[in-house]
Amino acid sequence: MTPVSTTCVLPSTIEVVIVGASPDRINHNAIMRHFVHDGFASTLGAHRVTECPLESAITTVDKLRPRLVLCFGSCMPDVSDYGPLRDLCDRVGVKLAFWLHDDPYEFDFAFKATEVADFVFSNDRWATRHYDHPHVQFLPMAACPNAHSRPWVSDKRHDVFFCGVGFPNRVRILSDLQPFLGALRCEVLGAEWPDSLKVAQNKRLTNAEVADECAASLVTLNMGRDLHLANRRYQLDPSTPGPRTFEAAMAGTVQLCFVDGLEIADYFKIGDEILVFDDPASFRQQVESLLDDPLRAKRVALAARERVLKDHTYEQRARQLLACCGWSQSEIMSEVDLVK
């Protein structure tokens, strides 16, 4: 006689599914979805959240029936079609939110999110003001302690470090700084750097490797970009610092930020948690003062890390996002909160 199975299928405890906004096969920033997941897991508990690529979103959401689906990333690629996901969310009663991380550079494609989303979150404060949607909120990027925190080391390999794509504005800035950088232990890595920039190498790093190099550097340069892929409608200038600002601070380095706006002061205290420059003379003055006073460099770097841990992790962002989506404080609380 065949024994009767006594196994019962329990309902899923997953309440949030984080989905890539573009397919992973073309998504160079897919790793960031894992950081977002880590923040939500720290907020709600790992048993209440999961993540998946856009390619498997329909299957995952249909199986788990969460309370909220969060599409995170870029909606610019043509293959990013959210119609079937919206239809499924309507059928099973799930709210659909988007957190876009490439505003304002891809703002012309934001309509793909606003047409289907219950809630829209933009990484850029100025871009947020130009959305036509009843529920749009500003939510900047952040850092992940598990991914970006590094032990403090006083013996630095580099005096100055930068990693990124050689956008025209960055090439101009580094060209102006090159006479001074050439005399330092300087490492500039990334892609599309011209041969004329002798301090730069065309070598890509993983997100984890960038954090390692930041931790090994006395100063990490912070420069935005001016290449707009799809930003012709309003030609918006970016106002909010990108994720690397928070990631580098978490890694334990002094950031020297090229000032092209005042919003950086909303996230870090200038002079105590981050330093700024606007010309070669002020850059040189800042770097030389740090080389002469390594204890000050340590104070600034560790103060920046403490600020990120307090205000700028993906856990804090997850709490803000859930509250904007209508979750009460008691619903957001995890077992960690209850123990406290």
C-alpha atoms as a PDB file:
ATOM      1  CA  MET A   1       0.000   0.000   0.000  1.00  0.00           C
ATOM      2  CA  THR A   2       1.423   3.392  -1.011  1.00  0.00           C
ATOM      3  CA  PRO A   3       1.833   5.610   2.045  1.00  0.00           C
ATOM      4  CA  VAL A   4      -0.166   8.829   2.002  1.00  0.00           C
ATOM      5  CA  SER A   5       1.997  11.932   2.087  1.00  0.00           C
ATOM      6  CA  THR A   6       1.422  14.116   5.108  1.00  0.00           C
ATOM      7  CA  THR A   7       3.434  17.012   3.721  1.00  0.00           C
ATOM      8  CA  CYS A   8       1.410  20.213   3.514  1.00  0.00           C
ATOM      9  CA  VAL A   9       2.281  23.146   1.324  1.00  0.00           C
ATOM     10  CA  LEU A  10       2.591  26.222   3.490  1.00  0.00           C
ATOM     11  CA  PRO A  11       1.836  29.659   2.077  1.00  0.00           C
ATOM     12  CA  SER A  12       4.868  31.687   1.132  1.00  0.00           C
ATOM     13  CA  THR A  13       6.186  34.123   3.736  1.00  0.00           C
ATOM     14  CA  ILE A  14       7.793  36.252   1.011  1.00  0.00           C
ATOM     15  CA  GLU A  15       6.289  39.749   1.074  1.00  0.00           C
ATOM     16  CA  VAL A  16       8.704  41.588  -1.237  1.00  0.00           C
ATOM     17  CA  VAL A  17      10.211  40.395  -4.517  1.00  0.00           C
ATOM     18  CA  ILE A  18      13.003  42.557  -5.924  1.00  0.00           C
ATOM     19  CA  VAL A  19      13.249  42.224  -9.705  1.00  0.00           C
ATOM     20  CA  GLY A  20      15.859  43.511 -12.102  1.00  0.00           C
ATOM     21  CA  ALA A  21      14.429  46.275 -14.269  1.00  0.00           C
ATOM     22  CA  SER A  22      16.415  44.979 -17.245  1.00  0.00           C
ATOM     23  CA  PRO A  23      17.576  41.454 -18.149  1.00  0.00           C
ATOM     24  CA  ASP A  24      20.704  40.337 -16.346  1.00  0.00           C
ATOM     25  CA  ARG A  25      22.396  39.341 -19.607  1.00  0.00           C
ATOM     26  CA  ILE A  26      22.719  43.038 -20.502  1.00  0.00           C
ATOM     27  CA  ASN A  27      22.628  44.545 -17.010  1.00  0.00           C
ATOM     28  CA  HIS A  28      26.112  45.652 -15.952  1.00  0.00           C
ATOM     29  CA  ASN A  29      24.742  46.767 -12.581  1.00  0.00           C
ATOM     30  CA  ALA A  30      22.945  43.559 -11.621  1.00  0.00           C
ATOM     31  CA  ILE A  31      25.144  43.294  -8.514  1.00  0.00           C
ATOM     32  CA  MET A  32      23.367  46.339  -7.086  1.00  0.00           C
ATOM     33  CA  ARG A  33      20.119  44.358  -6.880  1.00  0.00           C
ATOM     34  CA  HIS A  34      21.837  42.079  -4.366  1.00  0.00           C
ATOM     35  CA  PHE A  35      22.725  45.118  -2.249  1.00  0.00           C
ATOM     36  CA  VAL A  36      19.086  46.228  -2.302  1.00  0.00           C
ATOM     37  CA  HIS A  37      18.007  42.713  -1.327  1.00  0.00           C
ATOM     38  CA  ASP A  38      20.475  42.788   1.565  1.00  0.00           C
ATOM     39  CA  GLY A  39      18.928  46.031   2.792  1.00  0.00           C
ATOM     40  CA  PHE A  40      15.390  44.667   2.629  1.00  0.00           C
ATOM     41  CA  ALA A  41      16.472  41.439   4.328  1.00  0.00           C
ATOM     42  CA  SER A  42      18.030  43.465   7.158  1.00  0.00           C
ATOM     43  CA  THR A  43      14.793  45.419   7.433  1.00  0.00           C
ATOM     44  CA  LEU A  44      12.149  42.708   7.162  1.00  0.00           C
ATOM     45  CA  GLY A  45      14.055  39.501   7.811  1.00  0.00           C
ATOM     46  CA  ALA A  46      15.531  37.249   5.132  1.00  0.00           C
ATOM     47  CA  HIS A  47      12.457  35.010   5.091  1.00  0.00           C
ATOM     48  CA  ARG A  48      10.221  37.882   3.940  1.00  0.00           C
ATOM     49  CA  VAL A  49      12.142  39.028   0.838  1.00  0.00           C
ATOM     50  CA  THR A  50      13.728  37.507  -2.245  1.00  0.00           C
ATOM     51  CA  GLU A  51      15.161  38.734  -5.546  1.00  0.00           C
ATOM     52  CA  CYS A  52      15.272  37.500  -9.127  1.00  0.00           C
ATOM     53  CA  PRO A  53      16.234  38.693 -12.624  1.00  0.00           C
ATOM     54  CA  LEU A  54      13.591  40.182 -14.901  1.00  0.00           C
ATOM     55  CA  GLU A  55      13.707  37.011 -16.985  1.00  0.00           C
ATOM     56  CA  SER A  56      12.093  34.955 -14.199  1.00  0.00           C
ATOM     57  CA  ALA A  57       9.896  37.658 -12.659  1.00  0.00           C
ATOM     58  CA  ILE A  58       6.568  36.297 -13.932  1.00  0.00           C
ATOM     59  CA  THR A  59       7.217  32.787 -12.631  1.00  0.00           C
ATOM     60  CA  THR A  60       8.545  34.014  -9.286  1.00  0.00           C
ATOM     61  CA  VAL A  61       5.744  36.483  -8.589  1.00  0.00           C
ATOM     62  CA  ASP A  62       3.027  34.062  -9.684  1.00  0.00           C
ATOM     63  CA  LYS A  63       4.410  31.403  -7.346  1.00  0.00           C
ATOM     64  CA  LEU A  64       5.089  33.574  -4.292  1.00  0.00           C
ATOM     65  CA  ARG A  65       2.238  36.125  -4.501  1.00  0.00           C
ATOM     66  CA  PRO A  66       4.109  38.781  -2.487  1.00  0.00           C
ATOM     67  CA  ARG A  67       2.696  42.029  -1.226  1.00  0.00           C
ATOM     68  CA  LEU A  68       5.104  44.194  -3.238  1.00  0.00           C
ATOM     69  CA  VAL A  69       7.194  43.770  -6.384  1.00  0.00           C
ATOM     70  CA  LEU A  70      10.082  46.220  -6.700  1.00  0.00           C
ATOM     71  CA  CYS A  71      11.717  46.619 -10.120  1.00  0.00           C
ATOM     72  CA  PHE A  72      15.180  48.015  -9.510  1.00  0.00           C
ATOM     73  CA  GLY A  73      17.576  49.345 -12.120  1.00  0.00           C
ATOM     74  CA  SER A  74      17.359  50.776 -15.633  1.00  0.00           C
ATOM     75  CA  CYS A  75      14.283  50.545 -17.854  1.00  0.00           C
ATOM     76  CA  MET A  76      16.075  51.927 -20.927  1.00  0.00           C
ATOM     77  CA  PRO A  77      16.701  48.636 -22.861  1.00  0.00           C
ATOM     78  CA  ASP A  78      14.125  47.880 -25.547  1.00  0.00           C
ATOM     79  CA  VAL A  79      13.749  44.316 -24.261  1.00  0.00           C
ATOM     80  CA  SER A  80      12.491  45.577 -20.891  1.00  0.00           C
ATOM     81  CA  ASP A  81       8.748  45.003 -21.253  1.00  0.00           C
ATOM     82  CA  TYR A  82       6.708  45.332 -18.064  1.00  0.00           C
ATOM     83  CA  GLY A  83       3.237  44.767 -19.501  1.00  0.00           C
ATOM     84  CA  PRO A  84       2.994  41.062 -18.567  1.00  0.00           C
ATOM     85  CA  LEU A  85       4.289  41.778 -15.055  1.00  0.00           C
ATOM     86  CA  ARG A  86       1.729  44.565 -14.606  1.00  0.00           C
ATOM     87  CA  ASP A  87      -1.050  42.248 -15.798  1.00  0.00           C
ATOM     88  CA  LEU A  88       0.026  39.563 -13.343  1.00  0.00           C
ATOM     89  CA  CYS A  89       0.215  42.025 -10.454  1.00  0.00           C
ATOM     90  CA  ASP A  90      -3.328  43.185 -11.247  1.00  0.00           C
ATOM     91  CA  ARG A  91      -4.583  39.603 -11.408  1.00  0.00           C
ATOM     92  CA  VAL A  92      -3.094  38.511  -8.074  1.00  0.00           C
ATOM     93  CA  GLY A  93      -3.421  41.815  -6.220  1.00  0.00           C
ATOM     94  CA  VAL A  94       0.237  42.815  -5.911  1.00  0.00           C
ATOM     95  CA  LYS A  95       1.573  46.385  -5.852  1.00  0.00           C
ATOM     96  CA  LEU A  96       4.299  47.213  -8.395  1.00  0.00           C
ATOM     97  CA  ALA A  97       7.027  49.759  -7.649  1.00  0.00           C
ATOM     98  CA  PHE A  98      10.079  50.948  -9.605  1.00  0.00           C
ATOM     99  CA  TRP A  99      13.336  52.258  -8.175  1.00  0.00           C
ATOM    100  CA  LEU A 100      15.305  53.757 -11.079  1.00  0.00           C
ATOM    101  CA  HIS A 101      19.045  54.229 -10.560  1.00  0.00           C
ATOM    102  CA  ASP A 102      20.108  56.028 -13.760  1.00  0.00           C
ATOM    103  CA  ASP A 103      18.229  59.316 -13.546  1.00  0.00           C
ATOM    104  CA  PRO A 104      18.554  61.796 -15.104  1.00  0.00           C
ATOM    105  CA  TYR A 105      20.779  60.185 -17.757  1.00  0.00           C
ATOM    106  CA  GLU A 106      17.967  57.926 -19.024  1.00  0.00           C
ATOM    107  CA  PHE A 107      14.992  60.091 -18.080  1.00  0.00           C
ATOM    108  CA  ASP A 108      13.430  59.942 -21.556  1.00  0.00           C
ATOM    109  CA  PHE A 109      12.637  56.258 -20.918  1.00  0.00           C
ATOM    110  CA  ALA A 110      11.050  56.788 -17.503  1.00  0.00           C
ATOM    111  CA  PHE A 111       7.610  56.602 -19.123  1.00  0.00           C
ATOM    112  CA  LYS A 112       8.039  52.828 -19.321  1.00  0.00           C
ATOM    113  CA  ALA A 113       7.899  52.773 -15.528  1.00  0.00           C
ATOM    114  CA  THR A 114       5.298  55.482 -14.965  1.00  0.00           C
ATOM    115  CA  GLU A 115       2.850  53.773 -17.335  1.00  0.00           C
ATOM    116  CA  VAL A 116       2.693  50.628 -15.187  1.00  0.00           C
ATOM    117  CA  ALA A 117       3.938  51.473 -11.676  1.00  0.00           C
ATOM    118  CA  ASP A 118       1.906  52.049  -8.533  1.00  0.00           C
ATOM    119  CA  PHE A 119       4.938  53.790  -7.031  1.00  0.00           C
ATOM    120  CA  VAL A 120       8.035  55.317  -8.647  1.00  0.00           C
ATOM    121  CA  PHE A 121      11.314  56.096  -6.865  1.00  0.00           C
ATOM    122  CA  SER A 122      14.082  58.076  -8.551  1.00  0.00           C
ATOM    123  CA  ASN A 123      17.727  58.213  -7.509  1.00  0.00           C
ATOM    124  CA  ASP A 124      17.996  61.904  -8.464  1.00  0.00           C
ATOM    125  CA  ARG A 125      16.270  64.731  -6.572  1.00  0.00           C
ATOM    126  CA  TRP A 126      16.068  67.131  -9.519  1.00  0.00           C
ATOM    127  CA  ALA A 127      14.771  64.453 -11.895  1.00  0.00           C
ATOM    128  CA  THR A 128      12.067  63.516  -9.382  1.00  0.00           C
ATOM    129  CA  ARG A 129      10.467  66.922  -9.822  1.00  0.00           C
ATOM    130  CA  HIS A 130       9.902  66.261 -13.530  1.00  0.00           C
ATOM    131  CA  TYR A 131       7.915  63.040 -13.269  1.00  0.00           C
ATOM    132  CA  ASP A 132       4.248  62.908 -14.231  1.00  0.00           C
ATOM    133  CA  HIS A 133       3.017  60.320 -11.740  1.00  0.00           C
ATOM    134  CA  PRO A 134       0.812  60.601  -8.625  1.00  0.00           C
ATOM    135  CA  HIS A 135       3.177  58.588  -6.429  1.00  0.00           C
ATOM    136  CA  VAL A 136       6.774  59.497  -7.159  1.00  0.00           C
ATOM    137  CA  GLN A 137       9.443  59.874  -4.476  1.00  0.00           C
ATOM    138  CA  PHE A 138      13.111  60.734  -4.329  1.00  0.00           C
ATOM    139  CA  LEU A 139      15.275  57.887  -2.995  1.00  0.00           C
ATOM    140  CA  PRO A 140      19.056  58.139  -3.465  1.00  0.00           C
ATOM    141  CA  MET A 141      21.417  55.221  -3.777  1.00  0.00           C
ATOM    142  CA  ALA A 142      23.306  53.884  -0.743  1.00  0.00           C
ATOM    143  CA  ALA A 143      25.950  51.407   0.411  1.00  0.00           C
ATOM    144  CA  CYS A 144      25.825  47.831   1.660  1.00  0.00           C
ATOM    145  CA  PRO A 145      27.870  47.149   4.823  1.00  0.00           C
ATOM    146  CA  ASN A 146      28.289  43.471   3.968  1.00  0.00           C
ATOM    147  CA  ALA A 147      29.675  44.324   0.515  1.00  0.00           C
ATOM    148  CA  HIS A 148      31.535  47.605   0.953  1.00  0.00           C
ATOM    149  CA  SER A 149      32.895  47.860   4.492  1.00  0.00           C
ATOM    150  CA  ARG A 150      36.645  47.304   4.800  1.00  0.00           C
ATOM    151  CA  PRO A 151      38.972  47.348   7.841  1.00  0.00           C
ATOM    152  CA  TRP A 152      40.882  50.585   8.299  1.00  0.00           C
ATOM    153  CA  VAL A 153      44.518  50.382   7.218  1.00  0.00           C
ATOM    154  CA  SER A 154      46.982  53.189   7.861  1.00  0.00           C
ATOM    155  CA  ASP A 155      49.538  51.936   5.328  1.00  0.00           C
ATOM    156  CA  LYS A 156      47.936  53.028   2.051  1.00  0.00           C
ATOM    157  CA  ARG A 157      49.110  51.778  -1.367  1.00  0.00           C
ATOM    158  CA  HIS A 158      47.817  54.850  -3.208  1.00  0.00           C
ATOM    159  CA  ASP A 159      47.806  58.533  -2.479  1.00  0.00           C
ATOM    160  CA  VAL A 160      44.978  59.161  -4.958  1.00  0.00           C
ATOM    161  CA  PHE A 161      42.594  56.661  -6.580  1.00  0.00           C
ATOM    162  CA  PHE A 162      39.745  56.849  -9.065  1.00  0.00           C
ATOM    163  CA  CYS A 163      37.860  54.201 -11.014  1.00  0.00           C
ATOM    164  CA  GLY A 164      35.263  54.906 -13.681  1.00  0.00           C
ATOM    165  CA  VAL A 165      34.573  55.534 -17.325  1.00  0.00           C
ATOM    166  CA  GLY A 166      36.530  58.312 -19.012  1.00  0.00           C
ATOM    167  CA  PHE A 167      33.629  60.657 -19.681  1.00  0.00           C
ATOM    168  CA  PRO A 168      34.648  64.022 -21.199  1.00  0.00           C
ATOM    169  CA  ASN A 169      34.244  66.017 -17.985  1.00  0.00           C
ATOM    170  CA  ARG A 170      36.416  63.535 -16.075  1.00  0.00           C
ATOM    171  CA  VAL A 171      39.104  63.650 -18.744  1.00  0.00           C
ATOM    172  CA  ARG A 172      39.149  67.444 -18.528  1.00  0.00           C
ATOM    173  CA  ILE A 173      39.444  67.415 -14.738  1.00  0.00           C
ATOM    174  CA  LEU A 174      42.190  64.794 -14.640  1.00  0.00           C
ATOM    175  CA  SER A 175      44.083  66.492 -17.460  1.00  0.00           C
ATOM    176  CA  ASP A 176      44.190  69.641 -15.344  1.00  0.00           C
ATOM    177  CA  LEU A 177      45.332  67.629 -12.320  1.00  0.00           C
ATOM    178  CA  GLN A 178      47.832  65.451 -14.180  1.00  0.00           C
ATOM    179  CA  PRO A 179      50.956  67.596 -13.497  1.00  0.00           C
ATOM    180  CA  PHE A 180      50.394  67.159  -9.752  1.00  0.00           C
ATOM    181  CA  LEU A 181      49.096  63.561  -9.894  1.00  0.00           C
ATOM    182  CA  GLY A 182      52.183  62.447 -11.790  1.00  0.00           C
ATOM    183  CA  ALA A 183      54.294  63.070  -8.691  1.00  0.00           C
ATOM    184  CA  LEU A 184      52.023  60.987  -6.432  1.00  0.00           C
ATOM    185  CA  ARG A 185      51.180  57.328  -6.046  1.00  0.00           C
ATOM    186  CA  CYS A 186      48.137  57.707  -8.262  1.00  0.00           C
ATOM    187  CA  GLU A 187      45.924  54.996  -9.739  1.00  0.00           C
ATOM    188  CA  VAL A 188      43.173  55.833 -12.232  1.00  0.00           C
ATOM    189  CA  LEU A 189      41.393  52.803 -13.680  1.00  0.00           C
ATOM    190  CA  GLY A 190      38.281  52.104 -15.724  1.00  0.00           C
ATOM    191  CA  ALA A 191      37.484  52.301 -19.426  1.00  0.00           C
ATOM    192  CA  GLU A 192      37.673  54.682 -22.378  1.00  0.00           C
ATOM    193  CA  TRP A 193      40.558  56.751 -21.003  1.00  0.00           C
ATOM    194  CA  PRO A 194      42.570  58.474 -23.766  1.00  0.00           C
ATOM    195  CA  ASP A 195      46.269  57.771 -24.267  1.00  0.00           C
ATOM    196  CA  SER A 196      46.997  61.434 -23.520  1.00  0.00           C
ATOM    197  CA  LEU A 197      46.056  60.837 -19.873  1.00  0.00           C
ATOM    198  CA  LYS A 198      49.226  59.159 -18.660  1.00  0.00           C
ATOM    199  CA  VAL A 199      47.968  58.571 -15.100  1.00  0.00           C
ATOM    200  CA  ALA A 200      45.059  56.401 -16.334  1.00  0.00           C
ATOM    201  CA  GLN A 201      44.829  52.734 -17.314  1.00  0.00           C
ATOM    202  CA  ASN A 202      41.984  51.053 -19.157  1.00  0.00           C
ATOM    203  CA  LYS A 203      41.365  48.292 -16.648  1.00  0.00           C
ATOM    204  CA  ARG A 204      37.929  47.438 -15.278  1.00  0.00           C
ATOM    205  CA  LEU A 205      37.346  46.416 -11.672  1.00  0.00           C
ATOM    206  CA  THR A 206      34.502  44.564 -10.023  1.00  0.00           C
ATOM    207  CA  ASN A 207      32.422  46.367  -7.425  1.00  0.00           C
ATOM    208  CA  ALA A 208      34.254  44.493  -4.661  1.00  0.00           C
ATOM    209  CA  GLU A 209      37.647  45.340  -6.144  1.00  0.00           C
ATOM    210  CA  VAL A 210      36.746  49.033  -6.237  1.00  0.00           C
ATOM    211  CA  ALA A 211      35.946  48.903  -2.520  1.00  0.00           C
ATOM    212  CA  ASP A 212      39.309  47.187  -1.915  1.00  0.00           C
ATOM    213  CA  GLU A 213      41.172  49.910  -3.815  1.00  0.00           C
ATOM    214  CA  CYS A 214      39.276  52.692  -2.032  1.00  0.00           C
ATOM    215  CA  ALA A 215      40.283  51.200   1.320  1.00  0.00           C
ATOM    216  CA  ALA A 216      43.908  51.089   0.152  1.00  0.00           C
ATOM    217  CA  SER A 217      43.888  54.765  -0.880  1.00  0.00           C
ATOM    218  CA  LEU A 218      44.450  57.879   1.185  1.00  0.00           C
ATOM    219  CA  VAL A 219      42.200  59.877  -1.155  1.00  0.00           C
ATOM    220  CA  THR A 220      39.497  58.680  -3.516  1.00  0.00           C
ATOM    221  CA  LEU A 221      38.436  61.131  -6.201  1.00  0.00           C
ATOM    222  CA  ASN A 222      34.709  61.708  -6.591  1.00  0.00           C
ATOM    223  CA  MET A 223      33.668  63.008 -10.026  1.00  0.00           C
ATOM    224  CA  GLY A 224      30.241  62.783 -11.618  1.00  0.00           C
ATOM    225  CA  ARG A 225      29.607  62.219 -15.302  1.00  0.00           C
ATOM    226  CA  ASP A 226      28.194  64.343 -18.106  1.00  0.00           C
ATOM    227  CA  LEU A 227      27.243  61.683 -20.654  1.00  0.00           C
ATOM    228  CA  HIS A 228      23.465  61.539 -21.115  1.00  0.00           C
ATOM    229  CA  LEU A 229      22.177  58.447 -22.917  1.00  0.00           C
ATOM    230  CA  ALA A 230      18.535  59.501 -23.147  1.00  0.00           C
ATOM    231  CA  ASN A 231      17.932  62.885 -21.568  1.00  0.00           C
ATOM    232  CA  ARG A 232      16.805  65.130 -24.422  1.00  0.00           C
ATOM    233  CA  ARG A 233      13.281  65.920 -23.250  1.00  0.00           C
ATOM    234  CA  TYR A 234      14.251  68.185 -20.346  1.00  0.00           C
ATOM    235  CA  GLN A 235      18.072  68.001 -20.576  1.00  0.00           C
ATOM    236  CA  LEU A 236      18.233  67.614 -16.812  1.00  0.00           C
ATOM    237  CA  ASP A 237      21.481  68.101 -14.943  1.00  0.00           C
ATOM    238  CA  PRO A 238      22.159  65.511 -12.229  1.00  0.00           C
ATOM    239  CA  SER A 239      21.953  66.799  -8.663  1.00  0.00           C
ATOM    240  CA  THR A 240      22.360  63.752  -6.417  1.00  0.00           C
ATOM    241  CA  PRO A 241      25.589  61.804  -5.817  1.00  0.00           C
ATOM    242  CA  GLY A 242      25.674  58.288  -7.197  1.00  0.00           C
ATOM    243  CA  PRO A 243      26.164  55.005  -5.346  1.00  0.00           C
ATOM    244  CA  ARG A 244      29.967  55.120  -5.514  1.00  0.00           C
ATOM    245  CA  THR A 245      29.926  58.108  -3.129  1.00  0.00           C
ATOM    246  CA  PHE A 246      28.341  56.013  -0.382  1.00  0.00           C
ATOM    247  CA  GLU A 247      30.263  52.833  -1.237  1.00  0.00           C
ATOM    248  CA  ALA A 248      33.644  54.578  -1.081  1.00  0.00           C
ATOM    249  CA  ALA A 249      32.788  56.176   2.252  1.00  0.00           C
ATOM    250  CA  MET A 250      31.840  52.767   3.627  1.00  0.00           C
ATOM    251  CA  ALA A 251      35.192  51.361   2.464  1.00  0.00           C
ATOM    252  CA  GLY A 252      37.171  53.816   4.602  1.00  0.00           C
ATOM    253  CA  THR A 253      38.777  56.473   2.439  1.00  0.00           C
ATOM    254  CA  VAL A 254      38.811  60.238   2.305  1.00  0.00           C
ATOM    255  CA  GLN A 255      36.720  61.365  -0.642  1.00  0.00           C
ATOM    256  CA  LEU A 256      37.790  64.507  -2.466  1.00  0.00           C
ATOM    257  CA  CYS A 257      34.718  65.572  -4.391  1.00  0.00           C
ATOM    258  CA  PHE A 258      34.708  67.876  -7.405  1.00  0.00           C
ATOM    259  CA  VAL A 259      31.993  70.387  -6.578  1.00  0.00           C
ATOM    260  CA  ASP A 260      29.432  70.835  -9.343  1.00  0.00           C
ATOM    261  CA  GLY A 261      26.461  71.245  -7.002  1.00  0.00           C
ATOM    262  CA  LEU A 262      25.565  71.773  -3.353  1.00  0.00           C
ATOM    263  CA  GLU A 263      23.528  68.657  -2.685  1.00  0.00           C
ATOM    264  CA  ILE A 264      26.542  66.671  -1.464  1.00  0.00           C
ATOM    265  CA  ALA A 265      26.269  68.671   1.778  1.00  0.00           C
ATOM    266  CA  ASP A 266      22.912  67.008   2.451  1.00  0.00           C
ATOM    267  CA  TYR A 267      24.649  63.637   2.832  1.00  0.00           C
ATOM    268  CA  PHE A 268      28.059  64.442   4.330  1.00  0.00           C
ATOM    269  CA  LYS A 269      29.415  67.290   6.419  1.00  0.00           C
ATOM    270  CA  ILE A 270      31.955  69.087   4.259  1.00  0.00           C
ATOM    271  CA  GLY A 271      35.312  69.328   5.970  1.00  0.00           C
ATOM    272  CA  ASP A 272      34.541  66.649   8.558  1.00  0.00           C
ATOM    273  CA  GLU A 273      33.150  63.751   6.482  1.00  0.00           C
ATOM    274  CA  ILE A 274      34.008  64.689   2.910  1.00  0.00           C
ATOM    275  CA  LEU A 275      36.360  67.188   1.272  1.00  0.00           C
ATOM    276  CA  VAL A 276      35.748  69.246  -1.866  1.00  0.00           C
ATOM    277  CA  PHE A 277      37.710  71.032  -4.569  1.00  0.00           C
ATOM    278  CA  ASP A 278      36.844  73.130  -7.612  1.00  0.00           C
ATOM    279  CA  ASP A 279      40.217  73.753  -9.276  1.00  0.00           C
ATOM    280  CA  PRO A 280      43.739  72.268  -9.402  1.00  0.00           C
ATOM    281  CA  ALA A 281      45.019  74.609  -6.701  1.00  0.00           C
ATOM    282  CA  SER A 282      42.380  73.590  -4.141  1.00  0.00           C
ATOM    283  CA  PHE A 283      42.851  69.920  -5.067  1.00  0.00           C
ATOM    284  CA  ARG A 284      46.575  70.124  -4.446  1.00  0.00           C
ATOM    285  CA  GLN A 285      46.077  71.952  -1.169  1.00  0.00           C
ATOM    286  CA  GLN A 286      43.647  69.324   0.100  1.00  0.00           C
ATOM    287  CA  VAL A 287      45.832  66.354  -0.863  1.00  0.00           C
ATOM    288  CA  GLU A 288      49.015  67.856   0.567  1.00  0.00           C
ATOM    289  CA  SER A 289      47.272  68.640   3.858  1.00  0.00           C
ATOM    290  CA  LEU A 290      46.151  65.006   4.153  1.00  0.00           C
ATOM    291  CA  LEU A 291      49.607  63.682   3.323  1.00  0.00           C
ATOM    292  CA  ASP A 292      51.015  65.933   6.064  1.00  0.00           C
ATOM    293  CA  ASP A 293      48.360  64.928   8.607  1.00  0.00           C
ATOM    294  CA  PRO A 294      47.454  61.215   8.307  1.00  0.00           C
ATOM    295  CA  LEU A 295      45.546  61.313  11.614  1.00  0.00           C
ATOM    296  CA  ARG A 296      43.168  63.890  10.150  1.00  0.00           C
ATOM    297  CA  ALA A 297      42.745  61.692   7.087  1.00  0.00           C
ATOM    298  CA  LYS A 298      41.771  58.807   9.338  1.00  0.00           C
ATOM    299  CA  ARG A 299      39.275  60.969  11.248  1.00  0.00           C
ATOM    300  CA  VAL A 300      37.585  62.145   8.063  1.00  0.00           C
ATOM    301  CA  ALA A 301      37.445  58.663   6.540  1.00  0.00           C
ATOM    302  CA  LEU A 302      36.014  57.000   9.655  1.00  0.00           C
ATOM    303  CA  ALA A 303      33.544  59.842  10.194  1.00  0.00           C
ATOM    304  CA  ALA A 304      32.262  59.325   6.648  1.00  0.00           C
ATOM    305  CA  ARG A 305      31.852  55.607   7.303  1.00  0.00           C
ATOM    306  CA  GLU A 306      29.897  56.282  10.491  1.00  0.00           C
ATOM    307  CA  ARG A 307      27.663  58.704   8.606  1.00  0.00           C
ATOM    308  CA  VAL A 308      26.906  56.084   5.967  1.00  0.00           C
ATOM    309  CA  LEU A 309      26.171  53.427   8.582  1.00  0.00           C
ATOM    310  CA  LYS A 310      23.801  55.842  10.309  1.00  0.00           C
ATOM    311  CA  ASP A 311      22.008  57.382   7.328  1.00  0.00           C
ATOM    312  CA  HIS A 312      22.935  55.887   3.962  1.00  0.00           C
ATOM    313  CA  THR A 313      22.647  52.101   3.873  1.00  0.00           C
ATOM    314  CA  TYR A 314      20.168  50.142   1.792  1.00  0.00           C
ATOM    315  CA  GLU A 315      18.454  49.172   5.033  1.00  0.00           C
ATOM    316  CA  GLN A 316      17.560  52.812   5.663  1.00  0.00           C
ATOM    317  CA  ARG A 317      16.445  53.181   2.054  1.00  0.00           C
ATOM    318  CA  ALA A 318      14.291  50.037   2.305  1.00  0.00           C
ATOM    319  CA  ARG A 319      12.497  51.424   5.344  1.00  0.00           C
ATOM    320  CA  GLN A 320      11.827  54.709   3.554  1.00  0.00           C
ATOM    321  CA  LEU A 321      10.561  52.929   0.455  1.00  0.00           C
ATOM    322  CA  LEU A 322       8.198  50.638   2.347  1.00  0.00           C
ATOM    323  CA  ALA A 323       6.782  53.546   4.319  1.00  0.00           C
ATOM    324  CA  CYS A 324       6.108  55.421   1.064  1.00  0.00           C
ATOM    325  CA  CYS A 325       4.332  52.326  -0.240  1.00  0.00           C
ATOM    326  CA  GLY A 326       1.945  52.368   2.711  1.00  0.00           C
ATOM    327  CA  TRP A 327       3.573  49.937   5.122  1.00  0.00           C
ATOM    328  CA  SER A 328       3.167  50.804   8.797  1.00  0.00           C
ATOM    329  CA  GLN A 329       6.132  50.877  11.166  1.00  0.00           C
ATOM    330  CA  SER A 330       4.950  47.681  12.850  1.00  0.00           C
ATOM    331  CA  GLU A 331       4.807  45.909   9.460  1.00  0.00           C
ATOM    332  CA  ILE A 332       8.335  47.028   8.606  1.00  0.00           C
ATOM    333  CA  MET A 333       9.797  45.827  11.894  1.00  0.00           C
ATOM    334  CA  SER A 334      11.946  42.704  11.718  1.00  0.00           C
ATOM    335  CA  GLU A 335      12.782  40.208  14.455  1.00  0.00           C
ATOM    336  CA  VAL A 336      15.913  42.293  15.159  1.00  0.00           C
ATOM    337  CA  ASP A 337      13.730  45.321  15.899  1.00  0.00           C
ATOM    338  CA  LEU A 338      11.472  43.270  18.146  1.00  0.00           C
ATOM    339  CA  VAL A 339      14.443  42.000  20.153  1.00  0.00           C
ATOM    340  CA  LYS A 340      15.624  45.569  20.668  1.00  0.00           C
END
